C-alpha cells in the first residue's frame, strides 16, 4: 500500500467573491425553504479554521459533511 501525501497550504489571500456568492446562494435556498440544515466551515485571513452548524438532524448533517469531505478530497486529486 502506498500513501499519497498532500501538502495543505493556507493563505491570507482568499477569493472573497467566491465565498460571498456561495453564502448568498445558500441563503437564497434557505429562504425558499429548500434547505433543512446547514454546516459551515471556514478559513479566516490568518489561516485559522472554524465551523458551525444549524439545529436539526445531526445524523443527516454528519452525512452531508462526510459527502462534502469526499468531494474536497477529490478536488485535491485534480
Protein backbone atom coordinates (compact mmCIF):
# COMPACT_ATOMS: atom_id res chain seq x y z
CA UNK A 1 0.00 0.00 0.00
CA UNK A 2 1.39 3.37 -0.96
CA UNK A 3 0.42 6.59 0.75
CA UNK A 4 -0.38 9.77 -1.08
CA UNK A 5 0.98 12.76 0.78
CA UNK A 6 -0.78 16.06 0.22
CA UNK A 7 0.71 19.33 1.37
CA UNK A 8 -2.02 21.56 2.74
CA UNK A 9 -1.43 25.24 2.08
CA UNK A 10 -3.27 28.20 3.52
CA UNK A 11 -3.01 31.80 2.50
CA UNK A 12 -4.34 35.10 3.78
CA UNK A 13 -5.33 35.99 0.22
CA UNK A 14 -8.72 34.42 -0.49
CA UNK A 15 -11.29 34.53 -3.21
CA UNK A 16 -13.77 36.63 -1.24
CA UNK A 17 -16.19 36.91 -4.14
CA UNK A 18 -16.49 33.12 -4.35
CA UNK A 19 -17.21 32.93 -0.62
CA UNK A 20 -19.86 35.64 -0.88
CA UNK A 21 -21.50 34.00 -3.92
CA UNK A 22 -21.63 30.64 -2.16
CA UNK A 23 -23.10 32.09 1.03
CA UNK A 24 -25.68 34.14 -0.89
CA UNK A 25 -26.71 31.07 -2.90
CA UNK A 26 -27.20 29.04 0.29
CA UNK A 27 -29.12 31.90 1.93
CA UNK A 28 -31.47 32.10 -1.06
CA UNK A 29 -32.08 28.34 -0.97
CA UNK A 30 -32.82 28.56 2.77
CA UNK A 31 -35.24 31.46 2.24
CA UNK A 32 -37.06 29.41 -0.42
CA UNK A 33 -37.42 26.57 2.08
CA UNK A 34 -35.10 24.23 0.18
CA UNK A 35 -32.55 23.82 3.00
CA UNK A 36 -33.31 21.93 6.21
CA UNK A 37 -29.91 22.33 7.83
CA UNK A 38 -26.53 23.81 7.12
CA UNK A 39 -22.96 23.34 8.30
CA UNK A 40 -20.30 25.91 7.57
CA UNK A 41 -16.54 25.52 7.79
CA UNK A 42 -14.26 28.45 7.09
CA UNK A 43 -10.65 29.52 6.96
CA UNK A 44 -10.03 33.09 8.07
CA UNK A 45 -7.44 35.51 6.70
CA UNK A 46 -4.84 34.24 9.17
CA UNK A 47 -5.35 30.58 8.22
CA UNK A 48 -7.33 29.66 11.35
CA UNK A 49 -10.21 27.26 10.77
CA UNK A 50 -13.60 27.09 12.44
CA UNK A 51 -17.07 25.72 11.85
CA UNK A 52 -20.67 25.85 12.96
CA UNK A 53 -23.98 24.20 12.10
CA UNK A 54 -27.69 24.76 12.46
CA UNK A 55 -30.06 22.85 14.70
CA UNK A 56 -31.67 19.79 13.21
CA UNK A 57 -31.00 16.16 12.38
CA UNK A 58 -27.39 15.62 13.48
CA UNK A 59 -27.10 12.27 11.66
CA UNK A 60 -28.22 13.78 8.36
CA UNK A 61 -25.86 16.72 8.85
CA UNK A 62 -22.95 14.36 9.54
CA UNK A 63 -23.77 12.51 6.32
CA UNK A 64 -23.76 15.78 4.39
CA UNK A 65 -20.43 16.82 5.90
CA UNK A 66 -18.94 13.41 5.08
CA UNK A 67 -20.13 13.79 1.49
CA UNK A 68 -18.54 17.25 1.32
CA UNK A 69 -15.29 15.86 2.74
CA UNK A 70 -15.23 13.27 -0.03
CA UNK A 71 -15.75 15.96 -2.69
CA UNK A 72 -12.97 18.10 -1.19
CA UNK A 73 -10.60 15.12 -1.20
CA UNK A 74 -11.45 14.52 -4.86
CA UNK A 75 -10.68 18.19 -5.57
CA UNK A 76 -7.19 17.71 -4.08
CA UNK A 77 -6.53 14.98 -6.65
CA UNK A 78 -7.19 17.31 -9.58
